[in-house]
Amino acid sequence: MTSIFDSNLPRNAANFASISPLGFIARTAEVYPQRLAIVHGDLRQTWGQTYARCRQLASGLQRLGVGKNDTVAVLLPNTPPMVEAHFGVPMAGAVLNAMNTRLDPQAIAYMLDHGEARVVIVDPEFTGLLAKALTLRQSSAPLQVVEVQDAVYGPASQSLGGMDYEALLASGDAQFDWAPPADEWDAIALNYTSGTTGNPKGVVYHHRGAASNAISNVLEWDMPKHAVYLWTLPMFHCNGWCFPWTVALRAGVNVCLRRVDPQSVFDAIRQHGVTHYCGAPIVHGMLVNAPEAMKQGLPAGVKAMVAGAAPPASMIEGMERMGFDLTHVYGLTETYGPAAVCAQHDDWAQLDIGERARLNARQGVRFHLQGDVRVLDPETMQPVPQDGETMGEIMFKGNIAMKGYLKNPKATDEAFAGGWFHSGDLAVQYPDGYIKIKDRSKDIIISGGENISSIEVEDVLYRHPAVLAAAVVAKPDAKWGETPCAFVELKDGASVTAEDIIAHCRQHLAGFKLPRAVVFGELPKTSTGKIQKFELRKLAAES
């Protein structure tokens, strides 16, 4: 029987529209056209100007033959064209593929071919990289190159004879009547995982998910109108955790930054009144460990967001000394970047630093607009007891999850088996519902039949005052099968021995969990600052 609430109450253009982050910039440009949108060197660009340029980009792309579901790749740093691409490309109906500028030419070539890019927009810094990648392509499909000129960077490393970016915009219509997606399930972006073996997987985002995560960013941070956001996080990394769309939603300011180093970050914060920034642990650690003279005159209350490894007590203390407020988030490329947050409680501020670090180290609870995040037994798909001890796999469900992997139905089916997205991260859940990662499933060390969490050992290593970065992997052992091997990067000027490190661990860990080997040196990292454990496993196996 049809319900009275389903009769004569049709969905129509007046009462229903697909959710998309593209509407954020349209509203901001309408309401705050003269507000500052982008800072880059001497450039000051308003929201009215930025919206017009995005519409010109969309119109120009369509005149090049780009249409619905065509891929437009970009090799751009955190500069104005990268902000514009996040709106102009999907306004054309196309899908934005923001490529990692730190990859090798072979990887870039693979992504251009696999994603079937029709156009690639390249910054002058990366024309040499693109030139090499173009020679390695397997596809013979035509690819239009568009070259950006940048006054801050200077001339291109080499010209590819492509179309000029400003000429492309000039060919477009600043009043272009772009259409929002007919279906919010339409693809808005393509992001490739930083796969450690084989080819990376292409993660496809939809408009609904991008808008949901962008709004959640505002809610998790209580992000105010006209916030000033510093681009320390690469926009090629999960579309900058959706912050290009978030900043537009709040009519904020995008402070562009080509290079991330302490002096540049601190200078930008002071000069532009930065209120918010994001980054991997290595970025925050770099700021905390910068010379004190660099930190003079910083404004209080800057909000920082960290994802990846849990922030150790030393980082939390260092951020507090600078007057920064640190929020710990968790997610993956497949969840648009962060989709869980360690939401802090007021009474935590009264606890000692050790207890605060323990609580803040948890990956936390779901984002506001995420459906759910749980620790489930991957075999039974049932929740594990919330006792802080029973381990399972973190799984997500809801709007902030990818459409799937491009051209890879098997991997997509596996990722969504049982109606949840499988993260591959092993964790426990506490009585208060907060989740804490114990390890990646592939990073558990099995020594003499005992499971050892590499993250647990790393947490202890980070408590040593001389340790800047640490990673623990399995080292093959004839007797035990494998044992923990610690790789340690020391702070500048620090000097400790392997015996000192092991003695420190002995104060906090059971004997079988102690590192049997300690290797000092700079740790290999991905372009987004993550420690490359697969490289360390090779070194451990060879030593």
Protein backbone atom coordinates (compact mmCIF):
# COMPACT_ATOMS: atom_id res chain seq x y z
CA MET A 1 0.00 0.00 0.00
CA THR A 2 1.36 3.42 -0.95
CA SER A 3 2.01 5.71 1.99
CA ILE A 4 0.33 9.10 2.19
CA PHE A 5 3.85 10.53 2.30
CA ASP A 6 4.68 8.94 -1.04
CA SER A 7 1.55 10.06 -2.85
CA ASN A 8 1.41 13.25 -4.91
CA LEU A 9 4.68 14.49 -3.43
CA PRO A 10 7.02 14.13 -6.40
CA ARG A 11 10.67 15.02 -6.52
CA ASN A 12 11.20 17.93 -8.89
CA ALA A 13 13.65 20.67 -9.82
CA ALA A 14 12.23 22.98 -7.15
CA ASN A 15 12.68 20.63 -4.20
CA PHE A 16 15.64 18.41 -5.03
CA ALA A 17 19.14 18.94 -6.42
CA SER A 18 22.26 16.81 -6.50
CA ILE A 19 24.79 17.71 -3.83
CA SER A 20 28.07 19.02 -5.21
CA PRO A 21 30.88 21.22 -3.89
CA LEU A 22 30.69 23.29 -7.09
CA GLY A 23 27.81 25.23 -5.60
CA PHE A 24 30.07 26.45 -2.80
CA ILE A 25 32.10 28.77 -5.01
CA ALA A 26 29.00 30.03 -6.83
CA ARG A 27 27.43 31.16 -3.55
CA THR A 28 30.64 32.65 -2.18
CA ALA A 29 31.25 34.63 -5.38
CA GLU A 30 27.67 35.90 -5.26
CA VAL A 31 27.74 36.90 -1.59
CA TYR A 32 31.39 37.90 -1.13
CA PRO A 33 32.72 38.79 -4.61
CA GLN A 34 35.26 41.30 -3.25
CA ARG A 35 36.61 39.05 -0.48
CA LEU A 36 40.15 37.79 -0.92
CA ALA A 37 40.25 34.22 -2.25
CA ILE A 38 43.86 33.51 -3.26
CA VAL A 39 47.28 34.79 -2.23
CA HIS A 40 50.31 33.79 -4.30
CA GLY A 41 53.43 35.93 -4.19
CA ASP A 42 52.25 39.41 -5.17
CA LEU A 43 48.96 38.06 -6.58
CA ARG A 44 45.74 38.92 -4.73
CA GLN A 45 42.65 37.38 -6.33
CA THR A 46 39.08 37.85 -5.10
CA TRP A 47 36.31 35.28 -5.06
CA GLY A 48 34.54 37.10 -7.87
CA GLN A 49 37.66 36.93 -10.01
CA THR A 50 38.35 33.31 -9.06
CA TYR A 51 34.82 32.19 -9.94
CA ALA A 52 35.04 33.96 -13.30
CA ARG A 53 38.38 32.26 -14.05
CA CYS A 54 36.96 28.85 -13.09
CA ARG A 55 34.06 29.40 -15.49
CA GLN A 56 36.51 30.47 -18.21
CA LEU A 57 38.52 27.30 -17.59
CA ALA A 58 35.39 25.14 -17.86
CA SER A 59 34.28 26.90 -21.03
CA GLY A 60 37.77 26.72 -22.54
CA LEU A 61 38.02 23.01 -21.82
CA GLN A 62 34.67 22.35 -23.49
CA ARG A 63 35.89 24.25 -26.56
CA LEU A 64 38.84 21.85 -26.63
CA GLY A 65 36.32 19.01 -26.84
CA VAL A 66 36.35 18.02 -23.17
CA GLY A 67 32.98 16.74 -22.03
CA LYS A 68 31.25 14.65 -19.41
CA ASN A 69 33.48 12.04 -17.76
CA ASP A 70 36.57 13.04 -19.71
CA THR A 71 39.70 13.11 -17.57
CA VAL A 72 41.74 16.29 -17.18
CA ALA A 73 45.07 15.60 -15.50
CA VAL A 74 47.12 18.28 -13.77
CA LEU A 75 50.76 18.41 -12.70
CA LEU A 76 50.55 21.44 -10.45
CA PRO A 77 51.87 22.50 -7.06
CA ASN A 78 49.80 24.46 -4.54
CA THR A 79 49.30 27.47 -6.81
CA PRO A 80 46.21 29.38 -8.09
CA PRO A 81 45.69 27.18 -11.20
CA MET A 82 45.43 24.15 -8.90
CA VAL A 83 42.67 25.85 -6.90
CA GLU A 84 40.92 26.83 -10.15
CA ALA A 85 41.18 23.29 -11.52
CA HIS A 86 39.18 21.93 -8.58
CA PHE A 87 36.18 23.91 -9.83
CA GLY A 88 36.76 24.58 -13.52
CA VAL A 89 37.42 20.96 -14.49
CA PRO A 90 34.23 19.47 -12.95
CA MET A 91 32.22 22.51 -14.13
CA ALA A 92 33.07 21.28 -17.62
CA GLY A 93 31.58 17.92 -16.65
CA ALA A 94 35.06 16.40 -16.58
CA VAL A 95 36.97 14.49 -13.89
CA LEU A 96 40.02 16.04 -12.23
CA ASN A 97 43.13 13.86 -11.89
CA ALA A 98 45.56 15.79 -9.67
CA MET A 99 48.80 13.85 -10.10
CA ASN A 100 51.56 13.57 -7.54
CA THR A 101 54.31 15.87 -8.77
CA ARG A 102 56.97 13.89 -6.90
CA LEU A 103 56.45 10.67 -8.84
CA ASP A 104 58.80 9.34 -11.50
CA PRO A 105 58.00 9.70 -15.24
CA GLN A 106 56.97 6.05 -15.55
CA ALA A 107 54.26 6.46 -12.90
CA ILE A 108 53.01 9.68 -14.50
CA ALA A 109 52.86 7.98 -17.90
CA TYR A 110 50.89 5.08 -16.42
CA MET A 111 48.35 7.43 -14.83
CA LEU A 112 47.87 9.45 -18.00
CA ASP A 113 47.17 6.24 -19.93
CA HIS A 114 45.12 4.42 -17.30
CA GLY A 115 42.98 7.48 -16.57
CA GLU A 116 42.60 8.17 -20.32
CA ALA A 117 43.45 11.83 -19.87
CA ARG A 118 42.33 14.14 -22.69
CA VAL A 119 44.16 17.21 -21.38
CA VAL A 120 47.09 17.71 -19.01
CA ILE A 121 47.77 21.09 -17.38
CA VAL A 122 51.38 21.45 -16.26
CA ASP A 123 53.26 23.93 -14.09
CA PRO A 124 56.59 25.30 -15.40
CA GLU A 125 58.46 23.42 -12.69
CA PHE A 126 57.24 20.06 -14.03
CA THR A 127 57.42 20.37 -17.80
CA GLY A 128 60.66 18.35 -17.78
CA LEU A 129 58.95 15.58 -15.79
CA LEU A 130 55.98 15.58 -18.16
CA ALA A 131 58.24 15.55 -21.22
CA LYS A 132 59.84 12.31 -20.03
CA ALA A 133 56.47 10.82 -19.13
CA LEU A 134 55.06 11.55 -22.58
CA THR A 135 57.82 9.47 -24.18
CA LEU A 136 56.86 6.51 -21.97
CA ARG A 137 53.13 6.46 -22.70
CA GLN A 138 51.73 3.24 -24.14
CA SER A 139 48.55 4.88 -25.41
CA SER A 140 48.43 6.59 -28.79
CA ALA A 141 45.36 8.64 -27.84
CA PRO A 142 45.87 12.38 -28.35
CA LEU A 143 46.69 14.43 -25.27
CA GLN A 144 46.43 18.23 -25.24
CA VAL A 145 49.15 19.86 -23.12
CA VAL A 146 48.35 23.18 -21.42
CA GLU A 147 51.30 25.06 -19.93
CA VAL A 148 51.00 27.41 -16.96
CA GLN A 149 53.27 30.45 -16.64
CA ASP A 150 54.11 31.37 -13.04
CA ALA A 151 55.76 34.65 -12.04
CA VAL A 152 56.81 33.25 -8.67
CA TYR A 153 58.60 30.24 -10.14
CA GLY A 154 59.93 31.79 -13.32
CA PRO A 155 60.43 30.27 -16.81
CA ALA A 156 59.55 26.66 -17.52
CA SER A 157 62.22 24.00 -17.17
CA GLN A 158 61.51 23.34 -20.87
CA SER A 159 58.68 24.19 -23.21
CA LEU A 160 56.50 21.42 -24.62
CA GLY A 161 54.89 23.61 -27.24
CA GLY A 162 51.52 23.26 -25.55
CA MET A 163 48.71 25.75 -25.26
CA ASP A 164 49.22 28.58 -22.78
CA TYR A 165 46.99 28.34 -19.69
CA GLU A 166 46.01 32.02 -19.78
CA ALA A 167 45.21 31.67 -23.49
CA LEU A 168 42.95 28.74 -22.63
CA LEU A 169 41.12 30.87 -20.07
CA ALA A 170 40.92 33.80 -22.50
CA SER A 171 39.19 31.49 -24.99
CA GLY A 172 36.52 30.73 -22.40
CA ASP A 173 33.45 32.61 -21.21
CA ALA A 174 33.58 34.23 -17.75
CA GLN A 175 29.76 33.95 -17.68
CA PHE A 176 29.78 30.30 -18.77
CA ASP A 177 26.49 28.73 -17.71
CA TRP A 178 27.88 25.53 -16.26
CA ALA A 179 25.49 22.82 -15.14
CA PRO A 180 25.69 21.01 -11.81
CA PRO A 181 25.86 17.23 -12.07
CA ALA A 182 22.60 15.60 -12.97
CA ASP A 183 23.51 12.86 -10.52
CA GLU A 184 25.61 13.44 -7.39
CA TRP A 185 27.05 9.97 -7.98
CA ASP A 186 28.87 11.36 -11.02
CA ALA A 187 32.65 11.30 -10.74
CA ILE A 188 34.36 14.53 -9.72
CA ALA A 189 37.96 13.39 -9.20
CA LEU A 190 40.41 10.56 -9.80
CA ASN A 191 43.22 10.01 -7.30
CA TYR A 192 45.86 7.33 -7.49
CA THR A 193 47.00 5.49 -4.41
CA SER A 194 50.69 5.60 -3.57
CA GLY A 195 50.91 1.86 -4.12
CA THR A 196 54.07 0.23 -2.83
CA THR A 197 53.97 -2.72 -5.20
CA GLY A 198 52.71 -2.90 -8.77
CA ASN A 199 50.73 -0.12 -10.38
CA PRO A 200 48.76 2.28 -8.19
CA LYS A 201 44.98 1.98 -8.08
CA GLY A 202 42.78 4.76 -9.41
CA VAL A 203 40.35 5.89 -6.71
CA VAL A 204 37.21 7.56 -8.08
CA TYR A 205 35.42 10.24 -6.03
CA HIS A 206 31.80 11.34 -6.50
CA HIS A 207 30.28 14.81 -6.03
CA ARG A 208 28.26 13.77 -2.99
CA GLY A 209 31.32 12.46 -1.17
CA ALA A 210 33.43 15.51 -2.00
CA ALA A 211 30.73 17.85 -0.68
CA SER A 212 30.15 15.70 2.40
CA ASN A 213 33.81 15.67 3.36
CA ALA A 214 34.21 19.39 2.65
CA ILE A 215 31.29 20.20 4.95
CA SER A 216 32.59 17.78 7.58
CA ASN A 217 35.93 19.61 7.55
CA VAL A 218 34.09 22.76 8.60
CA LEU A 219 32.21 20.96 11.34
CA GLU A 220 35.19 19.07 12.77
CA TRP A 221 37.18 22.29 13.11
CA ASP A 222 34.28 24.71 13.78
CA MET A 223 35.93 26.51 10.87
CA PRO A 224 34.79 30.15 10.83
CA LYS A 225 33.76 32.27 7.89
CA HIS A 226 36.73 33.89 6.10
CA ALA A 227 39.27 31.49 7.64
CA VAL A 228 42.79 31.89 6.25
CA TYR A 229 44.07 28.50 5.10
CA LEU A 230 47.75 27.82 4.37
CA TRP A 231 48.45 25.18 1.73
CA THR A 232 51.09 23.05 3.43
CA LEU A 233 49.22 19.89 2.38
CA PRO A 234 49.62 19.00 -1.32
CA MET A 235 46.39 19.48 -3.24
CA PHE A 236 47.34 16.37 -5.23
CA HIS A 237 46.93 14.34 -2.02
CA CYS A 238 43.26 13.28 -1.83
CA ASN A 239 42.38 16.65 -3.39
CA GLY A 240 43.97 18.34 -0.42
CA TRP A 241 41.62 16.40 1.89
CA CYS A 242 38.79 18.27 0.08
CA PHE A 243 39.94 21.62 1.49
CA PRO A 244 39.86 23.48 -1.88
CA TRP A 245 36.09 23.03 -1.67
CA THR A 246 36.00 23.66 2.10
CA VAL A 247 37.79 27.02 1.79
CA ALA A 248 35.32 28.10 -0.89
CA LEU A 249 32.42 27.04 1.33
CA ARG A 250 33.64 29.39 4.09
CA ALA A 251 34.65 32.22 1.73
CA GLY A 252 38.13 31.81 3.14
CA VAL A 253 41.58 32.64 1.82
CA ASN A 254 43.85 30.15 0.02
CA VAL A 255 47.42 31.07 0.91
CA CYS A 256 49.45 29.21 -1.73
CA LEU A 257 52.83 27.74 -0.90
CA ARG A 258 55.12 26.04 -3.40
CA ARG A 259 57.68 24.83 -0.88
CA VAL A 260 57.08 23.63 2.65
CA ASP A 261 59.91 24.62 4.96
CA PRO A 262 59.70 26.10 8.47
CA GLN A 263 60.76 29.60 7.49
CA SER A 264 58.22 29.83 4.66
CA VAL A 265 55.43 28.45 6.83
CA PHE A 266 56.11 30.75 9.79
CA ASP A 267 56.53 33.77 7.51
CA ALA A 268 53.19 33.05 5.80
CA ILE A 269 51.41 32.59 9.13
CA ARG A 270 52.67 35.92 10.40
CA GLN A 271 52.22 37.85 7.16
CA HIS A 272 48.76 36.64 6.18
CA GLY A 273 47.20 35.84 9.57
CA VAL A 274 46.87 32.15 8.80
CA THR A 275 44.25 30.45 10.98
CA HIS A 276 44.32 26.86 9.68
CA TYR A 277 46.68 24.39 7.99
CA CYS A 278 47.01 20.62 7.52
CA GLY A 279 49.90 18.23 7.14
CA ALA A 280 51.49 14.86 7.70
CA PRO A 281 53.32 14.30 11.00
CA ILE A 282 56.64 15.16 9.35
CA VAL A 283 55.40 18.70 8.61
CA HIS A 284 54.32 19.37 12.19
CA GLY A 285 57.50 17.77 13.53
CA MET A 286 59.55 20.02 11.27
CA LEU A 287 57.83 23.10 12.72
CA VAL A 288 58.14 21.94 16.33
CA ASN A 289 61.86 21.25 15.90
CA ALA A 290 62.63 24.51 14.07
CA PRO A 291 64.92 27.03 15.81
CA GLU A 292 63.10 29.08 18.44
CA ALA A 293 64.12 32.32 16.74
CA MET A 294 62.00 31.34 13.73
CA LYS A 295 58.89 31.06 15.89
CA GLN A 296 58.92 34.56 17.32
CA GLY A 297 55.75 36.58 16.82
CA LEU A 298 53.47 33.73 15.83
CA PRO A 299 49.77 34.40 16.46
CA ALA A 300 48.08 32.24 19.10
CA GLY A 301 45.30 29.82 18.27
CA VAL A 302 46.41 28.57 14.85
CA LYS A 303 44.54 25.34 14.18
CA ALA A 304 46.57 22.47 12.78
CA MET A 305 45.30 19.11 11.51
CA VAL A 306 47.53 16.03 11.47
CA ALA A 307 46.85 12.67 9.82
CA GLY A 308 48.90 9.54 9.59
CA ALA A 309 50.95 8.40 12.56
CA ALA A 310 49.53 9.38 15.94
CA PRO A 311 51.03 12.60 17.34
CA PRO A 312 53.51 11.71 20.12
CA ALA A 313 53.59 13.62 23.40
CA SER A 314 56.62 15.61 22.24
CA MET A 315 54.71 16.91 19.20
CA ILE A 316 51.64 17.84 21.26
CA GLU A 317 53.82 19.67 23.77
CA GLY A 318 55.74 21.43 21.01
CA MET A 319 52.57 22.57 19.28
CA GLU A 320 51.16 23.87 22.56
CA ARG A 321 54.34 25.84 23.20
CA MET A 322 53.83 27.54 19.81
CA GLY A 323 50.21 28.22 20.75
CA PHE A 324 48.86 25.90 18.05
CA ASP A 325 45.78 23.72 18.51
CA LEU A 326 46.34 20.22 17.04
CA THR A 327 43.53 17.96 15.79
CA HIS A 328 44.27 14.33 14.90
CA VAL A 329 42.32 12.84 11.97
CA TYR A 330 42.40 9.53 10.14
CA GLY A 331 41.47 8.27 6.73
CA LEU A 332 42.70 6.94 3.41
CA THR A 333 42.68 7.94 -0.24
CA GLU A 334 39.55 5.82 -0.57
CA THR A 335 37.75 7.97 2.05
CA TYR A 336 38.61 11.36 0.51
CA GLY A 337 41.39 11.74 3.04
CA PRO A 338 40.29 12.01 6.68
CA ALA A 339 36.88 10.59 7.51
CA ALA A 340 37.43 10.06 11.26
CA VAL A 341 38.58 12.50 13.94
CA CYS A 342 39.85 12.28 17.48
CA ALA A 343 37.20 14.68 18.76
CA GLN A 344 38.58 16.24 21.92
CA HIS A 345 36.66 16.70 25.16
CA ASP A 346 36.95 19.76 27.37
CA ASP A 347 38.06 17.80 30.40
CA TRP A 348 41.07 16.37 28.54
CA ALA A 349 42.79 19.74 28.93
CA GLN A 350 43.10 19.12 32.68
CA LEU A 351 45.03 15.87 32.22
CA ASP A 352 48.80 15.51 32.25
CA ILE A 353 50.60 15.49 28.92
CA GLY A 354 51.11 11.72 28.90
CA GLU A 355 47.42 10.99 29.30
CA ARG A 356 46.47 13.69 26.79
CA ALA A 357 48.89 12.19 24.29
CA ARG A 358 47.37 8.74 24.85
CA LEU A 359 43.84 10.04 24.23
CA ASN A 360 44.81 12.24 21.27
CA ALA A 361 46.74 9.38 19.66
CA ARG A 362 43.50 7.56 18.93
CA GLN A 363 42.02 7.73 15.46
CA GLY A 364 38.70 8.61 17.04
CA VAL A 365 35.16 8.61 15.71
CA ARG A 366 33.41 9.21 12.40
CA PHE A 367 33.23 12.58 10.65
CA HIS A 368 29.89 14.33 10.99
CA LEU A 369 28.66 13.34 7.53
CA GLN A 370 30.24 9.90 7.45
CA GLY A 371 27.75 7.10 8.01
CA ASP A 372 29.80 4.93 10.33
CA VAL A 373 33.26 3.71 11.24
CA ARG A 374 33.69 0.51 13.24
CA VAL A 375 36.23 -2.11 14.16
CA LEU A 376 34.87 -5.37 12.77
CA ASP A 377 36.06 -8.94 12.66
CA PRO A 378 36.85 -9.31 8.93
CA GLU A 379 35.83 -12.99 9.00
CA THR A 380 32.41 -12.60 10.67
CA MET A 381 31.85 -8.90 9.85
CA GLN A 382 30.64 -8.46 13.42
CA PRO A 383 31.84 -5.66 15.74
CA VAL A 384 34.65 -6.63 18.09
CA PRO A 385 34.10 -5.99 21.81
CA GLN A 386 34.75 -2.34 22.72
CA ASP A 387 37.32 -3.28 25.33
CA GLY A 388 40.39 -1.54 23.95
CA GLU A 389 42.07 -4.93 23.53
CA THR A 390 40.28 -7.06 20.93
CA MET A 391 41.70 -6.38 17.51
CA GLY A 392 39.76 -6.17 14.26
CA GLU A 393 39.81 -4.16 11.03
CA ILE A 394 38.68 -0.56 10.70
CA MET A 395 35.79 -0.31 8.25
CA PHE A 396 33.88 2.67 6.91
CA LYS A 397 30.36 3.05 5.59
CA GLY A 398 28.55 6.09 4.25
CA ASN A 399 28.83 9.07 1.95
CA ILE A 400 32.56 9.60 2.43
CA ALA A 401 33.71 6.55 0.54
CA MET A 402 34.94 6.26 -3.02
CA LYS A 403 32.87 5.02 -5.95
CA GLY A 404 35.51 2.32 -6.40
CA TYR A 405 38.75 1.57 -8.22
CA LEU A 406 38.92 2.59 -11.87
CA LYS A 407 38.89 -0.40 -14.25
CA ASN A 408 39.41 -2.80 -11.34
CA PRO A 409 36.12 -4.50 -10.40
CA LYS A 410 37.85 -7.28 -8.47
CA ALA A 411 39.64 -4.85 -6.15
CA THR A 412 36.44 -2.81 -5.81
CA ASP A 413 34.39 -5.85 -4.80
CA GLU A 414 37.03 -6.90 -2.29
CA ALA A 415 37.22 -3.42 -0.80
CA PHE A 416 33.44 -3.26 -0.28
CA ALA A 417 32.84 -6.89 0.75
CA GLY A 418 30.02 -7.21 3.27
CA GLY A 419 28.75 -3.68 2.70
CA TRP A 420 31.69 -1.91 4.35
CA PHE A 421 34.89 -0.37 3.02
CA HIS A 422 37.81 -2.42 4.33
CA SER A 423 40.70 -0.14 5.33
CA GLY A 424 43.30 -2.83 5.94
CA ASP A 425 44.16 -1.16 9.26
CA LEU A 426 44.00 -3.30 12.39
CA ALA A 427 42.65 -1.56 15.46
CA VAL A 428 40.83 -1.79 18.77
CA GLN A 429 37.75 0.11 19.89
CA TYR A 430 37.40 1.54 23.38
CA PRO A 431 34.28 1.66 25.57
CA ASP A 432 33.75 5.31 24.57
CA GLY A 433 33.64 4.25 20.91
CA TYR A 434 37.00 5.75 19.99
CA ILE A 435 39.19 3.69 17.67
CA LYS A 436 42.95 3.23 17.87
CA ILE A 437 45.05 1.68 15.14
CA LYS A 438 47.34 -1.10 16.24
CA ASP A 439 48.85 -1.85 12.84
CA ARG A 440 48.35 -2.45 9.16
CA SER A 441 47.45 -6.09 8.62
CA LYS A 442 50.71 -6.52 6.70
CA ASP A 443 52.79 -4.82 9.42
CA ILE A 444 52.03 -7.14 12.33
CA ILE A 445 55.24 -8.87 13.44
CA ILE A 446 54.82 -12.51 14.44
CA SER A 447 57.73 -13.51 16.64
CA GLY A 448 57.78 -16.98 18.13
CA GLY A 449 54.03 -17.21 17.63
CA GLU A 450 53.39 -13.90 19.43
CA ASN A 451 51.83 -10.96 17.60
CA ILE A 452 53.74 -7.69 18.03
CA SER A 453 52.23 -4.39 16.94
CA SER A 454 54.85 -2.31 15.17
CA ILE A 455 52.87 0.81 16.08
CA GLU A 456 53.06 -0.02 19.79
CA VAL A 457 56.85 -0.23 19.58
CA GLU A 458 56.97 2.97 17.50
CA ASP A 459 54.90 4.81 20.10
CA VAL A 460 57.54 3.97 22.68
CA LEU A 461 60.39 5.00 20.41
CA TYR A 462 58.79 8.41 19.85
CA ARG A 463 58.87 9.01 23.60
CA HIS A 464 62.67 9.10 23.52
CA PRO A 465 63.71 12.77 23.49
CA ALA A 466 66.35 12.22 20.78
CA VAL A 467 64.00 10.55 18.27
CA LEU A 468 62.61 12.60 15.39
CA ALA A 469 61.05 9.73 13.42
CA ALA A 470 60.82 5.98 13.89
CA ALA A 471 59.52 2.91 12.12
CA VAL A 472 59.52 -0.75 13.11
CA VAL A 473 59.37 -3.68 10.70
CA ALA A 474 59.87 -7.42 10.83
CA LYS A 475 63.40 -8.76 10.41
CA PRO A 476 63.73 -12.44 9.47
CA ASP A 477 65.12 -14.53 12.31
CA ALA A 478 66.19 -18.19 12.20
CA LYS A 479 64.93 -18.91 15.72
CA TRP A 480 61.89 -16.69 16.16
CA GLY A 481 60.71 -16.42 12.55
CA GLU A 482 60.92 -12.66 12.72
CA THR A 483 61.80 -10.02 15.29
CA PRO A 484 61.27 -6.25 15.52
CA CYS A 485 63.86 -4.10 13.76
CA ALA A 486 63.75 -0.38 14.59
CA PHE A 487 64.77 2.30 12.12
CA VAL A 488 65.39 5.59 13.90
CA GLU A 489 65.95 9.13 12.59
CA LEU A 490 67.47 11.35 15.27
CA LYS A 491 66.90 15.04 15.89
CA ASP A 492 69.68 17.37 14.79
CA GLY A 493 72.58 17.27 17.24
CA ALA A 494 71.29 14.20 19.10
CA SER A 495 73.61 11.28 19.81
CA VAL A 496 72.46 7.95 21.22
CA THR A 497 73.42 4.32 20.76
CA ALA A 498 71.35 1.28 19.84
CA GLU A 499 71.81 0.10 23.43
CA ASP A 500 70.31 3.40 24.69
CA ILE A 501 67.27 2.94 22.47
CA ILE A 502 66.71 -0.67 23.53
CA ALA A 503 67.13 0.27 27.21
CA HIS A 504 64.49 2.96 26.75
CA CYS A 505 62.09 0.45 25.17
CA ARG A 506 62.72 -2.01 28.00
CA GLN A 507 61.14 0.43 30.43
CA HIS A 508 57.83 0.31 28.56
CA LEU A 509 57.59 -3.00 26.69
CA ALA A 510 57.57 -6.71 27.37
CA GLY A 511 60.86 -8.40 26.55
CA PHE A 512 59.64 -10.19 23.42
CA LYS A 513 58.52 -6.86 21.92
CA LEU A 514 61.92 -5.17 22.19
CA PRO A 515 63.74 -4.29 18.96
CA ARG A 516 66.54 -6.79 18.37
CA ALA A 517 68.21 -4.39 15.95
CA VAL A 518 68.34 -0.60 15.71
CA VAL A 519 69.36 1.18 12.51
CA PHE A 520 70.05 4.94 12.52
CA GLY A 521 69.58 7.23 9.53
CA GLU A 522 67.08 9.26 7.56
CA LEU A 523 63.91 7.29 6.93
CA PRO A 524 62.63 6.88 3.35
CA LYS A 525 59.32 8.68 2.90
CA THR A 526 56.61 8.98 0.28
CA SER A 527 55.87 12.28 -1.41
CA THR A 528 53.18 12.91 1.20
CA GLY A 529 55.49 12.30 4.14
CA LYS A 530 54.56 8.72 4.98
CA ILE A 531 57.40 6.43 5.98
CA GLN A 532 57.98 3.77 3.33
CA LYS A 533 57.96 0.58 5.35
CA PHE A 534 58.30 -1.58 2.27
CA GLU A 535 61.74 -0.07 1.70
CA LEU A 536 62.66 -0.70 5.33
CA ARG A 537 61.52 -4.30 5.07
CA LYS A 538 63.97 -4.78 2.21
CA LEU A 539 66.79 -3.28 4.28
CA ALA A 540 65.89 -5.41 7.30
CA ALA A 541 65.85 -8.56 5.19
CA GLU A 542 69.24 -7.75 3.68
CA SER A 543 71.02 -6.84 6.90
